[in-house]
Amino acid sequence: MLAGMLITIREGLEAFLITGVLLGYLKKSGQVTMNRYVWGGTITGVLFSIALALGFQALAIQFEGASAAIFEASASVLAILILSYMILWMQRQSRTLKTEIEAKAGLAISSGQIFALAMLAFVTVLREGLETAVFLTALTTRASAQNPLPGAMLGLVAAAAIAYLYFATTVKLNLRRFFIGTGFLLIFIAAGLSAHTFMALHELGFPPIIHKLWSTKWLIDSESLTGRLLHAFLGYHDEPTLMEAMAYWGYLGIMGTAFWRAIRETTGRPSTRAEARVVAGRGSR
């Protein structure tokens, strides 16, 4: 539940911030009458995203036995790939994202393609919704997982509230630190999914190396409340196998290094004041 909440807070905030950029641009350019197109695209995108999440959840419970293990491994691998790309892309491209969104909005207005505004909002929200649906499905396939949808809905509400505070109030939110912090947490979640991929493959008899490296069940049982919390956020497992440990720590090392380099790259480059306050949080208000 908590992992699902973190994912939807992160993904939902990205989508809502872009919606806010579009609405802010329309207000600045005196085109507030077109706000309904942006809201229409945003709401439609949210509804489609919810439908995708529910559809993936329904699909996941249709598999049994070996088919379930294959589906679990496939969903986990897909979620890991999308999650990794999203974290790095957002960190590296965030400085110019606001400028690009405003440019697309200006082009749509100047060319009279007002429905392009709705489509821009819709595609943005749906992209984040598709990513979220894949992540939640991968989390659901874990053997000890609880239903992540309640937490996901709470996360979506929280994301909307944070976006509102950012645009409509004078509350100072350091979005840069927020996205870096959630980025690191999502890397740990993805590392847990990497280990879970091998847990699913073990059920199919692959790989052959399945002996347990250690057991910390005496200290923190995976089925306890603390164990479930650690499993949700850090991918904790009280009796990992060699392949699971290699997948977990290997992913943490590779992705953690790549993310840290992305942070240093974007922090080290000079930026204008406008770039320092882009939507993805490369600055604070």
C-alpha atoms as a PDB file:
ATOM      1  CA  MET A   1       0.000   0.000   0.000  1.00  0.00           C
ATOM      2  CA  LEU A   2       2.758   2.443   0.984  1.00  0.00           C
ATOM      3  CA  ALA A   3       4.850   1.647  -2.081  1.00  0.00           C
ATOM      4  CA  GLY A   4       1.788   2.241  -4.265  1.00  0.00           C
ATOM      5  CA  MET A   5       1.229   5.573  -2.529  1.00  0.00           C
ATOM      6  CA  LEU A   6       4.803   6.670  -3.170  1.00  0.00           C
ATOM      7  CA  ILE A   7       4.557   5.767  -6.840  1.00  0.00           C
ATOM      8  CA  THR A   8       1.311   7.672  -7.442  1.00  0.00           C
ATOM      9  CA  ILE A   9       2.550  10.696  -5.494  1.00  0.00           C
ATOM     10  CA  ARG A  10       5.608  10.841  -7.720  1.00  0.00           C
ATOM     11  CA  GLU A  11       3.865  10.078 -11.022  1.00  0.00           C
ATOM     12  CA  GLY A  12       0.740  12.065 -10.210  1.00  0.00           C
ATOM     13  CA  LEU A  13       2.722  15.127  -9.195  1.00  0.00           C
ATOM     14  CA  GLU A  14       4.608  15.118 -12.488  1.00  0.00           C
ATOM     15  CA  ALA A  15       1.333  15.012 -14.409  1.00  0.00           C
ATOM     16  CA  PHE A  16      -0.414  17.661 -12.296  1.00  0.00           C
ATOM     17  CA  LEU A  17       2.565  20.004 -12.444  1.00  0.00           C
ATOM     18  CA  ILE A  18       2.526  19.908 -16.232  1.00  0.00           C
ATOM     19  CA  THR A  19      -1.218  20.627 -16.134  1.00  0.00           C
ATOM     20  CA  GLY A  20      -0.415  23.574 -13.881  1.00  0.00           C
ATOM     21  CA  VAL A  21       2.197  24.828 -16.333  1.00  0.00           C
ATOM     22  CA  LEU A  22      -0.375  24.743 -19.128  1.00  0.00           C
ATOM     23  CA  LEU A  23      -2.947  26.612 -17.044  1.00  0.00           C
ATOM     24  CA  GLY A  24      -0.327  29.147 -15.965  1.00  0.00           C
ATOM     25  CA  TYR A  25       0.693  29.755 -19.557  1.00  0.00           C
ATOM     26  CA  LEU A  26      -2.923  30.302 -20.614  1.00  0.00           C
ATOM     27  CA  LYS A  27      -3.389  32.796 -17.780  1.00  0.00           C
ATOM     28  CA  LYS A  28      -0.174  34.627 -18.684  1.00  0.00           C
ATOM     29  CA  SER A  29      -1.177  34.833 -22.341  1.00  0.00           C
ATOM     30  CA  GLY A  30      -4.743  35.938 -21.578  1.00  0.00           C
ATOM     31  CA  GLN A  31      -6.336  32.730 -22.886  1.00  0.00           C
ATOM     32  CA  VAL A  32      -8.068  31.546 -19.700  1.00  0.00           C
ATOM     33  CA  THR A  33     -11.179  30.662 -21.704  1.00  0.00           C
ATOM     34  CA  MET A  34      -9.223  27.673 -22.988  1.00  0.00           C
ATOM     35  CA  ASN A  35      -8.701  26.280 -19.502  1.00  0.00           C
ATOM     36  CA  ARG A  36     -11.595  23.881 -20.033  1.00  0.00           C
ATOM     37  CA  TYR A  37      -9.652  22.069 -22.737  1.00  0.00           C
ATOM     38  CA  VAL A  38      -6.717  21.500 -20.411  1.00  0.00           C
ATOM     39  CA  TRP A  39      -8.990  20.346 -17.587  1.00  0.00           C
ATOM     40  CA  GLY A  40     -10.919  18.140 -19.975  1.00  0.00           C
ATOM     41  CA  GLY A  41      -7.756  16.436 -21.182  1.00  0.00           C
ATOM     42  CA  THR A  42      -6.440  16.057 -17.636  1.00  0.00           C
ATOM     43  CA  ILE A  43      -9.629  14.527 -16.223  1.00  0.00           C
ATOM     44  CA  THR A  44      -9.987  12.196 -19.191  1.00  0.00           C
ATOM     45  CA  GLY A  45      -6.381  11.110 -18.774  1.00  0.00           C
ATOM     46  CA  VAL A  46      -6.938  10.368 -15.074  1.00  0.00           C
ATOM     47  CA  LEU A  47     -10.048   8.293 -15.829  1.00  0.00           C
ATOM     48  CA  PHE A  48      -8.238   6.322 -18.529  1.00  0.00           C
ATOM     49  CA  SER A  49      -5.311   5.773 -16.169  1.00  0.00           C
ATOM     50  CA  ILE A  50      -7.596   4.386 -13.463  1.00  0.00           C
ATOM     51  CA  ALA A  51      -9.206   2.097 -16.030  1.00  0.00           C
ATOM     52  CA  LEU A  52      -5.759   0.854 -17.106  1.00  0.00           C
ATOM     53  CA  ALA A  53      -4.755   0.138 -13.505  1.00  0.00           C
ATOM     54  CA  LEU A  54      -7.974  -1.779 -12.834  1.00  0.00           C
ATOM     55  CA  GLY A  55      -7.617  -3.654 -16.120  1.00  0.00           C
ATOM     56  CA  PHE A  56      -4.047  -4.721 -15.337  1.00  0.00           C
ATOM     57  CA  GLN A  57      -5.098  -5.809 -11.856  1.00  0.00           C
ATOM     58  CA  ALA A  58      -7.902  -7.922 -13.325  1.00  0.00           C
ATOM     59  CA  LEU A  59      -5.474  -9.433 -15.818  1.00  0.00           C
ATOM     60  CA  ALA A  60      -2.977 -10.349 -13.116  1.00  0.00           C
ATOM     61  CA  ILE A  61      -5.431 -12.531 -11.184  1.00  0.00           C
ATOM     62  CA  GLN A  62      -6.303 -14.556 -14.273  1.00  0.00           C
ATOM     63  CA  PHE A  63      -2.998 -16.436 -14.226  1.00  0.00           C
ATOM     64  CA  GLU A  64      -2.224 -19.510 -12.153  1.00  0.00           C
ATOM     65  CA  GLY A  65       0.746 -21.828 -11.685  1.00  0.00           C
ATOM     66  CA  ALA A  66       3.558 -21.445 -14.209  1.00  0.00           C
ATOM     67  CA  SER A  67       1.611 -18.804 -16.140  1.00  0.00           C
ATOM     68  CA  ALA A  68       1.384 -16.683 -12.988  1.00  0.00           C
ATOM     69  CA  ALA A  69       5.147 -16.914 -12.451  1.00  0.00           C
ATOM     70  CA  ILE A  70       5.827 -15.898 -16.052  1.00  0.00           C
ATOM     71  CA  PHE A  71       3.418 -12.968 -15.733  1.00  0.00           C
ATOM     72  CA  GLU A  72       5.046 -11.894 -12.440  1.00  0.00           C
ATOM     73  CA  ALA A  73       8.530 -11.941 -13.941  1.00  0.00           C
ATOM     74  CA  SER A  74       7.407 -10.132 -17.102  1.00  0.00           C
ATOM     75  CA  ALA A  75       5.523  -7.432 -15.191  1.00  0.00           C
ATOM     76  CA  SER A  76       8.484  -6.889 -12.858  1.00  0.00           C
ATOM     77  CA  VAL A  77      11.000  -6.582 -15.716  1.00  0.00           C
ATOM     78  CA  LEU A  78       8.752  -4.158 -17.612  1.00  0.00           C
ATOM     79  CA  ALA A  79       8.208  -2.047 -14.501  1.00  0.00           C
ATOM     80  CA  ILE A  80      11.946  -1.959 -13.771  1.00  0.00           C
ATOM     81  CA  LEU A  81      12.796  -0.804 -17.302  1.00  0.00           C
ATOM     82  CA  ILE A  82      10.130   1.909 -17.385  1.00  0.00           C
ATOM     83  CA  LEU A  83      10.884   3.073 -13.852  1.00  0.00           C
ATOM     84  CA  SER A  84      14.627   3.309 -14.500  1.00  0.00           C
ATOM     85  CA  TYR A  85      14.146   5.273 -17.710  1.00  0.00           C
ATOM     86  CA  MET A  86      11.614   7.620 -16.122  1.00  0.00           C
ATOM     87  CA  ILE A  87      13.823   8.456 -13.144  1.00  0.00           C
ATOM     88  CA  LEU A  88      16.871   9.284 -15.266  1.00  0.00           C
ATOM     89  CA  TRP A  89      14.918  11.057 -18.019  1.00  0.00           C
ATOM     90  CA  MET A  90      13.070  13.293 -15.588  1.00  0.00           C
ATOM     91  CA  GLN A  91      16.246  14.215 -13.759  1.00  0.00           C
ATOM     92  CA  ARG A  92      18.143  15.103 -16.943  1.00  0.00           C
ATOM     93  CA  GLN A  93      15.373  16.804 -18.923  1.00  0.00           C
ATOM     94  CA  SER A  94      13.610  18.697 -16.162  1.00  0.00           C
ATOM     95  CA  ARG A  95      15.430  21.988 -16.791  1.00  0.00           C
ATOM     96  CA  THR A  96      13.896  22.434 -20.239  1.00  0.00           C
ATOM     97  CA  LEU A  97      10.584  20.651 -19.686  1.00  0.00           C
ATOM     98  CA  LYS A  98       8.620  23.753 -18.729  1.00  0.00           C
ATOM     99  CA  THR A  99       9.910  25.671 -21.741  1.00  0.00           C
ATOM    100  CA  GLU A 100       9.006  22.797 -24.077  1.00  0.00           C
ATOM    101  CA  ILE A 101       5.481  22.482 -22.659  1.00  0.00           C
ATOM    102  CA  GLU A 102       4.850  26.215 -23.000  1.00  0.00           C
ATOM    103  CA  ALA A 103       6.197  26.159 -26.561  1.00  0.00           C
ATOM    104  CA  LYS A 104       3.785  23.377 -27.513  1.00  0.00           C
ATOM    105  CA  ALA A 105       0.898  25.241 -25.893  1.00  0.00           C
ATOM    106  CA  GLY A 106       1.815  28.455 -27.741  1.00  0.00           C
ATOM    107  CA  LEU A 107       1.976  26.613 -31.051  1.00  0.00           C
ATOM    108  CA  ALA A 108      -1.442  25.064 -30.467  1.00  0.00           C
ATOM    109  CA  ILE A 109      -2.991  28.448 -29.676  1.00  0.00           C
ATOM    110  CA  SER A 110      -1.343  30.322 -32.557  1.00  0.00           C
ATOM    111  CA  SER A 111      -2.346  27.675 -35.087  1.00  0.00           C
ATOM    112  CA  GLY A 112      -5.923  27.518 -33.800  1.00  0.00           C
ATOM    113  CA  GLN A 113      -5.589  23.859 -32.800  1.00  0.00           C
ATOM    114  CA  ILE A 114      -7.260  24.330 -29.431  1.00  0.00           C
ATOM    115  CA  PHE A 115      -8.008  20.633 -29.053  1.00  0.00           C
ATOM    116  CA  ALA A 116      -4.261  20.061 -29.155  1.00  0.00           C
ATOM    117  CA  LEU A 117      -4.174  21.582 -25.671  1.00  0.00           C
ATOM    118  CA  ALA A 118      -6.577  18.934 -24.446  1.00  0.00           C
ATOM    119  CA  MET A 119      -4.570  16.229 -26.189  1.00  0.00           C
ATOM    120  CA  LEU A 120      -1.324  17.510 -24.684  1.00  0.00           C
ATOM    121  CA  ALA A 121      -2.769  17.304 -21.175  1.00  0.00           C
ATOM    122  CA  PHE A 122      -4.389  13.945 -21.911  1.00  0.00           C
ATOM    123  CA  VAL A 123      -1.235  12.327 -23.311  1.00  0.00           C
ATOM    124  CA  THR A 124       0.882  13.646 -20.430  1.00  0.00           C
ATOM    125  CA  VAL A 125      -1.457  12.282 -17.765  1.00  0.00           C
ATOM    126  CA  LEU A 126      -2.014   9.007 -19.615  1.00  0.00           C
ATOM    127  CA  ARG A 127       1.734   8.447 -19.961  1.00  0.00           C
ATOM    128  CA  GLU A 128       2.191   8.776 -16.229  1.00  0.00           C
ATOM    129  CA  GLY A 129      -0.919   6.657 -15.684  1.00  0.00           C
ATOM    130  CA  LEU A 130       0.400   3.858 -17.879  1.00  0.00           C
ATOM    131  CA  GLU A 131       3.687   3.822 -15.998  1.00  0.00           C
ATOM    132  CA  THR A 132       1.813   3.754 -12.689  1.00  0.00           C
ATOM    133  CA  ALA A 133      -0.454   0.911 -13.825  1.00  0.00           C
ATOM    134  CA  VAL A 134       2.578  -1.205 -14.747  1.00  0.00           C
ATOM    135  CA  PHE A 135       4.273  -0.482 -11.402  1.00  0.00           C
ATOM    136  CA  LEU A 136       1.173  -1.315  -9.383  1.00  0.00           C
ATOM    137  CA  THR A 137       0.687  -4.548 -11.309  1.00  0.00           C
ATOM    138  CA  ALA A 138       4.282  -5.554 -10.609  1.00  0.00           C
ATOM    139  CA  LEU A 139       3.803  -4.802  -6.912  1.00  0.00           C
ATOM    140  CA  THR A 140       0.567  -6.793  -6.816  1.00  0.00           C
ATOM    141  CA  THR A 141       2.248  -9.926  -8.150  1.00  0.00           C
ATOM    142  CA  ARG A 142       4.488 -10.165  -5.102  1.00  0.00           C
ATOM    143  CA  ALA A 143       3.488 -13.164  -3.032  1.00  0.00           C
ATOM    144  CA  SER A 144       3.287 -11.149   0.202  1.00  0.00           C
ATOM    145  CA  ALA A 145       1.885  -8.004  -1.385  1.00  0.00           C
ATOM    146  CA  GLN A 146      -1.251  -6.281  -0.230  1.00  0.00           C
ATOM    147  CA  ASN A 147      -3.626  -4.533  -2.603  1.00  0.00           C
ATOM    148  CA  PRO A 148      -1.760  -1.346  -3.610  1.00  0.00           C
ATOM    149  CA  LEU A 149      -4.807   0.420  -5.086  1.00  0.00           C
ATOM    150  CA  PRO A 150      -6.058   2.082  -1.837  1.00  0.00           C
ATOM    151  CA  GLY A 151      -2.606   3.542  -1.230  1.00  0.00           C
ATOM    152  CA  ALA A 152      -2.380   4.536  -4.885  1.00  0.00           C
ATOM    153  CA  MET A 153      -5.601   6.522  -4.659  1.00  0.00           C
ATOM    154  CA  LEU A 154      -4.387   8.287  -1.503  1.00  0.00           C
ATOM    155  CA  GLY A 155      -1.119   9.073  -3.268  1.00  0.00           C
ATOM    156  CA  LEU A 156      -3.003  10.580  -6.189  1.00  0.00           C
ATOM    157  CA  VAL A 157      -4.947  12.858  -3.842  1.00  0.00           C
ATOM    158  CA  ALA A 158      -1.713  13.858  -2.111  1.00  0.00           C
ATOM    159  CA  ALA A 159      -0.090  14.644  -5.468  1.00  0.00           C
ATOM    160  CA  ALA A 160      -3.005  16.899  -6.418  1.00  0.00           C
ATOM    161  CA  ALA A 161      -2.739  18.692  -3.054  1.00  0.00           C
ATOM    162  CA  ILE A 162       1.014  19.250  -3.445  1.00  0.00           C
ATOM    163  CA  ALA A 163       0.540  20.589  -6.968  1.00  0.00           C
ATOM    164  CA  TYR A 164      -2.173  22.947  -5.726  1.00  0.00           C
ATOM    165  CA  LEU A 165       0.085  24.256  -2.969  1.00  0.00           C
ATOM    166  CA  TYR A 166       2.869  24.804  -5.472  1.00  0.00           C
ATOM    167  CA  PHE A 167       0.805  26.884  -7.903  1.00  0.00           C
ATOM    168  CA  ALA A 168      -1.961  28.472  -5.835  1.00  0.00           C
ATOM    169  CA  THR A 169      -0.304  29.427  -2.551  1.00  0.00           C
ATOM    170  CA  THR A 170       2.832  31.088  -1.277  1.00  0.00           C
ATOM    171  CA  VAL A 171       4.001  27.905   0.446  1.00  0.00           C
ATOM    172  CA  LYS A 172       7.603  27.262  -0.516  1.00  0.00           C
ATOM    173  CA  LEU A 173       8.107  23.687  -1.696  1.00  0.00           C
ATOM    174  CA  ASN A 174      11.574  22.478  -2.609  1.00  0.00           C
ATOM    175  CA  LEU A 175      10.516  20.228  -5.460  1.00  0.00           C
ATOM    176  CA  ARG A 176      14.111  19.523  -6.430  1.00  0.00           C
ATOM    177  CA  ARG A 177      14.785  17.786  -3.127  1.00  0.00           C
ATOM    178  CA  PHE A 178      11.393  16.106  -3.243  1.00  0.00           C
ATOM    179  CA  PHE A 179      12.045  14.493  -6.624  1.00  0.00           C
ATOM    180  CA  ILE A 180      15.585  13.489  -5.714  1.00  0.00           C
ATOM    181  CA  GLY A 181      14.367  11.894  -2.484  1.00  0.00           C
ATOM    182  CA  THR A 182      11.517  10.011  -4.136  1.00  0.00           C
ATOM    183  CA  GLY A 183      13.861   9.043  -6.950  1.00  0.00           C
ATOM    184  CA  PHE A 184      16.172   7.254  -4.533  1.00  0.00           C
ATOM    185  CA  LEU A 185      13.215   5.528  -2.841  1.00  0.00           C
ATOM    186  CA  LEU A 186      11.903   4.344  -6.205  1.00  0.00           C
ATOM    187  CA  ILE A 187      15.338   2.929  -7.007  1.00  0.00           C
ATOM    188  CA  PHE A 188      15.103   0.781  -3.873  1.00  0.00           C
ATOM    189  CA  ILE A 189      11.600  -0.340  -4.893  1.00  0.00           C
ATOM    190  CA  ALA A 190      12.908  -1.260  -8.342  1.00  0.00           C
ATOM    191  CA  ALA A 191      15.788  -3.165  -6.737  1.00  0.00           C
ATOM    192  CA  GLY A 192      13.215  -5.138  -4.765  1.00  0.00           C
ATOM    193  CA  LEU A 193      11.375  -5.877  -8.007  1.00  0.00           C
ATOM    194  CA  SER A 194      14.659  -7.100  -9.505  1.00  0.00           C
ATOM    195  CA  ALA A 195      15.026  -9.603  -6.695  1.00  0.00           C
ATOM    196  CA  HIS A 196      11.350 -10.541  -6.998  1.00  0.00           C
ATOM    197  CA  THR A 197      11.889 -11.344 -10.673  1.00  0.00           C
ATOM    198  CA  PHE A 198      14.238 -14.152  -9.651  1.00  0.00           C
ATOM    199  CA  MET A 199      11.799 -15.325  -6.992  1.00  0.00           C
ATOM    200  CA  ALA A 200       9.241 -15.787  -9.767  1.00  0.00           C
ATOM    201  CA  LEU A 201      11.803 -17.535 -11.983  1.00  0.00           C
ATOM    202  CA  HIS A 202      12.662 -19.918  -9.139  1.00  0.00           C
ATOM    203  CA  GLU A 203       9.105 -21.208  -9.322  1.00  0.00           C
ATOM    204  CA  LEU A 204       9.793 -22.185 -12.948  1.00  0.00           C
ATOM    205  CA  GLY A 205      13.014 -23.968 -11.998  1.00  0.00           C
ATOM    206  CA  PHE A 206      15.341 -21.219 -13.197  1.00  0.00           C
ATOM    207  CA  PRO A 207      18.000 -20.283 -12.310  1.00  0.00           C
ATOM    208  CA  PRO A 208      19.413 -23.419 -10.689  1.00  0.00           C
ATOM    209  CA  ILE A 209      21.253 -21.541  -7.919  1.00  0.00           C
ATOM    210  CA  ILE A 210      18.538 -21.255  -5.287  1.00  0.00           C
ATOM    211  CA  HIS A 211      20.291 -21.834  -1.941  1.00  0.00           C
ATOM    212  CA  LYS A 212      19.706 -19.177   0.682  1.00  0.00           C
ATOM    213  CA  LEU A 213      22.593 -16.896   1.613  1.00  0.00           C
ATOM    214  CA  TRP A 214      21.370 -16.047   5.101  1.00  0.00           C
ATOM    215  CA  SER A 215      18.286 -15.759   7.253  1.00  0.00           C
ATOM    216  CA  THR A 216      17.271 -12.716   9.293  1.00  0.00           C
ATOM    217  CA  LYS A 217      13.837 -14.096  10.101  1.00  0.00           C
ATOM    218  CA  TRP A 218      14.852 -14.178  13.773  1.00  0.00           C
ATOM    219  CA  LEU A 219      15.470 -10.426  13.648  1.00  0.00           C
ATOM    220  CA  ILE A 220      12.821  -9.108  11.239  1.00  0.00           C
ATOM    221  CA  ASP A 221      10.311 -11.527   9.772  1.00  0.00           C
ATOM    222  CA  SER A 222       9.182 -10.582   6.262  1.00  0.00           C
ATOM    223  CA  GLU A 223       5.569 -11.219   7.336  1.00  0.00           C
ATOM    224  CA  SER A 224       5.738  -8.836  10.291  1.00  0.00           C
ATOM    225  CA  LEU A 225       4.604  -5.215  10.043  1.00  0.00           C
ATOM    226  CA  THR A 226       8.191  -3.971  10.080  1.00  0.00           C
ATOM    227  CA  GLY A 227       9.172  -6.591   7.509  1.00  0.00           C
ATOM    228  CA  ARG A 228       6.319  -5.585   5.207  1.00  0.00           C
ATOM    229  CA  LEU A 229       7.263  -1.921   5.459  1.00  0.00           C
ATOM    230  CA  LEU A 230      10.898  -2.688   4.689  1.00  0.00           C
ATOM    231  CA  HIS A 231       9.811  -4.955   1.853  1.00  0.00           C
ATOM    232  CA  ALA A 232       7.607  -2.245   0.360  1.00  0.00           C
ATOM    233  CA  PHE A 233      10.242   0.500   0.435  1.00  0.00           C
ATOM    234  CA  LEU A 234      13.566  -1.331   0.408  1.00  0.00           C
ATOM    235  CA  GLY A 235      12.776  -4.738  -1.081  1.00  0.00           C
ATOM    236  CA  TYR A 236      13.699  -6.499   2.182  1.00  0.00           C
ATOM    237  CA  HIS A 237      13.596 -10.323   2.210  1.00  0.00           C
ATOM    238  CA  ASP A 238      14.523 -12.297   5.316  1.00  0.00           C
ATOM    239  CA  GLU A 239      15.870 -15.317   3.370  1.00  0.00           C
ATOM    240  CA  PRO A 240      17.346 -14.162   0.035  1.00  0.00           C
ATOM    241  CA  THR A 241      18.976 -16.503  -2.440  1.00  0.00           C
ATOM    242  CA  LEU A 242      22.268 -15.784  -4.161  1.00  0.00           C
ATOM    243  CA  MET A 243      20.607 -14.704  -7.415  1.00  0.00           C
ATOM    244  CA  GLU A 244      18.129 -12.461  -5.596  1.00  0.00           C
ATOM    245  CA  ALA A 245      20.923 -10.744  -3.666  1.00  0.00           C
ATOM    246  CA  MET A 246      22.989 -10.295  -6.827  1.00  0.00           C
ATOM    247  CA  ALA A 247      19.994  -8.800  -8.664  1.00  0.00           C
ATOM    248  CA  TYR A 248      19.151  -6.490  -5.754  1.00  0.00           C
ATOM    249  CA  TRP A 249      22.620  -5.133  -5.044  1.00  0.00           C
ATOM    250  CA  GLY A 250      23.603  -5.131  -8.699  1.00  0.00           C
ATOM    251  CA  TYR A 251      20.631  -2.938  -9.607  1.00  0.00           C
ATOM    252  CA  LEU A 252      21.250  -0.627  -6.644  1.00  0.00           C
ATOM    253  CA  GLY A 253      24.873  -0.181  -7.666  1.00  0.00           C
ATOM    254  CA  ILE A 254      24.244   0.445 -11.361  1.00  0.00           C
ATOM    255  CA  MET A 255      21.100   2.560 -11.075  1.00  0.00           C
ATOM    256  CA  GLY A 256      22.247   4.408  -7.972  1.00  0.00           C
ATOM    257  CA  THR A 257      25.455   5.451  -9.737  1.00  0.00           C
ATOM    258  CA  ALA A 258      23.578   6.535 -12.877  1.00  0.00           C
ATOM    259  CA  PHE A 259      21.091   8.572 -10.843  1.00  0.00           C
ATOM    260  CA  TRP A 260      23.826  10.239  -8.813  1.00  0.00           C
ATOM    261  CA  ARG A 261      25.644  11.204 -12.004  1.00  0.00           C
ATOM    262  CA  ALA A 262      22.417  12.647 -13.418  1.00  0.00           C
ATOM    263  CA  ILE A 263      22.005  14.746 -10.283  1.00  0.00           C
ATOM    264  CA  ARG A 264      25.584  16.040 -10.516  1.00  0.00           C
ATOM    265  CA  GLU A 265      25.170  16.826 -14.220  1.00  0.00           C
ATOM    266  CA  THR A 266      22.030  18.891 -13.761  1.00  0.00           C
ATOM    267  CA  THR A 267      23.334  20.568 -10.604  1.00  0.00           C
ATOM    268  CA  GLY A 268      26.665  21.500 -12.131  1.00  0.00           C
ATOM    269  CA  ARG A 269      25.310  23.199 -15.269  1.00  0.00           C
ATOM    270  CA  PRO A 270      24.602  26.934 -15.098  1.00  0.00           C
ATOM    271  CA  SER A 271      20.949  27.803 -15.394  1.00  0.00           C
ATOM    272  CA  THR A 272      18.763  30.819 -15.870  1.00  0.00           C
ATOM    273  CA  ARG A 273      16.190  31.824 -13.310  1.00  0.00           C
ATOM    274  CA  ALA A 274      13.445  30.371 -15.471  1.00  0.00           C
ATOM    275  CA  GLU A 275      15.278  27.074 -15.801  1.00  0.00           C
ATOM    276  CA  ALA A 276      15.854  26.958 -12.067  1.00  0.00           C
ATOM    277  CA  ARG A 277      12.100  26.827 -11.464  1.00  0.00           C
ATOM    278  CA  VAL A 278      11.061  24.196 -13.977  1.00  0.00           C
ATOM    279  CA  VAL A 279       8.166  21.887 -13.377  1.00  0.00           C
ATOM    280  CA  ALA A 280      10.121  18.875 -12.270  1.00  0.00           C
ATOM    281  CA  GLY A 281      11.548  20.681  -9.303  1.00  0.00           C
ATOM    282  CA  ARG A 282      14.962  21.816 -10.388  1.00  0.00           C
ATOM    283  CA  GLY A 283      14.388  24.777  -8.125  1.00  0.00           C
ATOM    284  CA  SER A 284      12.047  25.898  -5.381  1.00  0.00           C
ATOM    285  CA  ARG A 285       9.602  28.711  -5.191  1.00  0.00           C
END
